[in-house]
Amino acid sequence: MVKFAGFLIVAILTGYGIHAVAQGRIDVRPAVAALGTSSAGGVSYAWFYEPNARTVYVCYVARGPKVSIDCGAKASLP
């Protein structure tokens, strides 16, 4: 009887453990989503949106004698 009760407890805990692991979901999303791009006069712009922080980033690349990249501009959405 003790062996059967022990087996039953182990079986129930194993079933619960499998159920608990199956409920854990990993939500994989890109950190930022590209919104759009534009270019004119040797300068290219790209807009990115980060949904977790509700922030829009603007990056630009300026071509010339030296290529310059800047992604410092950002705006938080309400």
Protein backbone atom coordinates (compact mmCIF):
# COMPACT_ATOMS: atom_id res chain seq x y z
CA MET A 1 0.00 0.00 0.00
CA VAL A 2 2.86 2.40 0.85
CA LYS A 3 4.57 1.65 -2.48
CA PHE A 4 1.33 2.29 -4.36
CA ALA A 5 0.75 5.61 -2.52
CA GLY A 6 4.34 6.66 -3.24
CA PHE A 7 3.96 5.74 -6.90
CA LEU A 8 0.68 7.66 -7.08
CA ILE A 9 2.24 10.78 -5.54
CA VAL A 10 5.23 10.61 -7.89
CA ALA A 11 2.92 10.15 -10.90
CA ILE A 12 0.77 13.14 -9.88
CA LEU A 13 3.83 15.37 -9.31
CA THR A 14 5.32 14.28 -12.63
CA GLY A 15 2.08 15.08 -14.44
CA TYR A 16 1.86 18.47 -12.76
CA GLY A 17 5.51 19.19 -13.62
CA ILE A 18 4.97 18.34 -17.28
CA HIS A 19 1.84 20.50 -17.34
CA ALA A 20 3.67 23.43 -15.71
CA VAL A 21 6.56 23.23 -18.20
CA ALA A 22 4.13 23.02 -21.13
CA GLN A 23 2.42 26.24 -19.99
CA GLY A 24 5.64 28.25 -20.06
CA ARG A 25 5.81 30.01 -23.39
CA ILE A 26 8.72 31.93 -24.77
CA ASP A 27 7.55 35.05 -26.56
CA VAL A 28 10.08 35.83 -29.25
CA ARG A 29 9.71 39.15 -31.04
CA PRO A 30 12.19 41.41 -32.70
CA ALA A 31 13.41 44.16 -30.40
CA VAL A 32 12.55 46.84 -32.93
CA ALA A 33 10.38 46.93 -36.02
CA ALA A 34 11.36 48.89 -39.11
CA LEU A 35 8.78 51.54 -39.98
CA GLY A 36 10.26 53.02 -43.13
CA THR A 37 13.19 54.57 -44.94
CA SER A 38 13.87 57.55 -47.15
CA SER A 39 16.87 59.14 -48.79
CA ALA A 40 17.70 62.39 -50.53
CA GLY A 41 20.86 64.33 -51.23
CA GLY A 42 23.27 61.71 -49.94
CA VAL A 43 21.50 61.28 -46.59
CA SER A 44 19.42 58.20 -45.76
CA TYR A 45 16.94 57.95 -42.89
CA ALA A 46 15.41 54.90 -41.25
CA TRP A 47 12.66 54.83 -38.62
CA PHE A 48 12.35 52.03 -36.06
CA TYR A 49 9.70 51.33 -33.43
CA GLU A 50 10.35 49.53 -30.14
CA PRO A 51 6.98 48.29 -28.80
CA ASN A 52 8.17 47.44 -25.28
CA ALA A 53 9.33 51.00 -24.58
CA ARG A 54 6.81 52.60 -27.00
CA THR A 55 9.67 54.54 -28.56
CA VAL A 56 10.43 55.57 -32.14
CA TYR A 57 14.09 55.86 -33.18
CA VAL A 58 15.43 57.70 -36.22
CA CYS A 59 18.79 56.75 -37.69
CA TYR A 60 20.57 58.49 -40.52
CA VAL A 61 23.57 57.76 -42.67
CA ALA A 62 25.34 60.67 -44.34
CA ARG A 63 27.62 59.87 -47.24
CA GLY A 64 30.52 62.05 -48.17
CA PRO A 65 34.27 61.98 -47.68
CA LYS A 66 33.51 60.22 -44.40
CA VAL A 67 30.41 58.10 -43.78
CA SER A 68 28.58 59.14 -40.62
CA ILE A 69 25.89 57.08 -38.85
CA ASP A 70 23.76 58.45 -36.02
CA CYS A 71 20.84 56.78 -34.21
CA GLY A 72 20.58 59.17 -31.28
CA ALA A 73 17.19 60.73 -32.03
CA LYS A 74 14.25 59.10 -30.32
CA ALA A 75 10.73 60.00 -29.22
CA SER A 76 8.58 58.24 -26.62
CA LEU A 77 4.93 57.74 -27.46
CA PRO A 78 2.23 58.45 -24.87
